[in-house]
Amino acid sequence: MEIKKVSEYEWEIPKHGGMRVPARIFASEKLVKKIEQDRTLVQAANVAHLKGIQRYSYVMPDAHEGY
C-alpha cells in the first residue's frame, strides 16, 4: 500500500479504489514501520470507504490491528 510522507509525523494513504477520503497517519517513521507489519493500514483504508466519512480516516500513534 502506498504511503506518502506529509510532514515529520504525518503520513497519508491517498484515495484509491472506493475510498471516499484519504487516510491520515500520525506517527514517527519508527512507529509507521511497526504499524505496517499488521493490517492496521488496510483497516484505515477500509474505514475511508464508509458512507458519511468526512475529510480523513485517522490513525493515531497507538494504532494496532483491531479484532
Protein backbone atom coordinates (compact mmCIF):
# COMPACT_ATOMS: atom_id res chain seq x y z
CA MET A 1 0.00 0.00 0.00
CA GLU A 2 1.34 3.42 -0.93
CA ILE A 3 2.08 5.77 1.97
CA LYS A 4 3.20 9.35 1.38
CA LYS A 5 5.06 11.43 3.96
CA VAL A 6 3.24 14.73 4.59
CA SER A 7 5.43 16.06 7.42
CA GLU A 8 7.74 14.68 10.09
CA TYR A 9 4.90 12.95 11.95
CA GLU A 10 2.13 12.86 9.33
CA TRP A 11 1.67 10.26 6.59
CA GLU A 12 -1.12 9.68 4.11
CA ILE A 13 -2.64 6.83 2.19
CA PRO A 14 -4.02 8.58 -0.91
CA LYS A 15 -7.58 7.90 -2.04
CA HIS A 16 -7.74 4.85 -4.28
CA GLY A 17 -10.36 2.34 -5.24
CA GLY A 18 -13.62 3.18 -3.49
CA MET A 19 -12.06 5.29 -0.73
CA ARG A 20 -14.14 8.42 -0.13
CA VAL A 21 -11.31 10.20 1.72
CA PRO A 22 -7.57 9.65 2.23
CA ALA A 23 -6.26 8.02 5.41
CA ARG A 24 -4.02 10.19 7.60
CA ILE A 25 -1.49 8.54 9.93
CA PHE A 26 0.05 10.41 12.88
CA ALA A 27 3.25 8.62 13.91
CA SER A 28 7.03 8.73 13.77
CA GLU A 29 8.83 6.88 11.00
CA LYS A 30 9.79 4.18 13.52
CA LEU A 31 6.14 3.69 14.52
CA VAL A 32 4.98 3.63 10.90
CA LYS A 33 7.37 0.73 10.25
CA LYS A 34 5.75 -1.16 13.14
CA ILE A 35 2.22 -0.26 12.02
CA GLU A 36 2.98 -1.61 8.53
CA GLN A 37 3.64 -5.09 9.98
CA ASP A 38 -0.03 -5.88 10.54
CA ARG A 39 -3.34 -4.94 8.87
CA THR A 40 -3.75 -1.55 10.57
CA LEU A 41 -3.31 0.41 7.34
CA VAL A 42 -5.69 -1.89 5.45
CA GLN A 43 -8.27 -1.23 8.16
CA ALA A 44 -7.67 2.53 7.89
CA ALA A 45 -8.27 2.32 4.13
CA ASN A 46 -11.43 0.28 4.75
CA VAL A 47 -12.76 2.95 7.14
CA ALA A 48 -12.15 5.53 4.39
CA HIS A 49 -14.79 3.70 2.30
CA LEU A 50 -17.58 4.26 4.85
CA LYS A 51 -20.59 6.30 3.88
CA GLY A 52 -20.68 9.63 5.69
CA ILE A 53 -16.95 9.82 6.45
CA GLN A 54 -15.55 13.32 6.12
CA ARG A 55 -12.05 14.63 5.43
CA TYR A 56 -9.84 11.69 6.58
CA SER A 57 -9.72 8.27 8.15
CA TYR A 58 -7.37 8.93 11.08
CA VAL A 59 -4.72 6.60 12.52
CA MET A 60 -3.22 7.66 15.86
CA PRO A 61 0.29 6.77 17.15
CA ASP A 62 -1.06 3.93 19.33
CA ALA A 63 -2.60 2.20 16.29
CA HIS A 64 -2.87 -1.57 16.17
CA GLU A 65 -4.84 -4.13 14.26
CA GLY A 66 -8.41 -4.41 15.53
CA TYR A 67 -10.31 -7.60 16.13
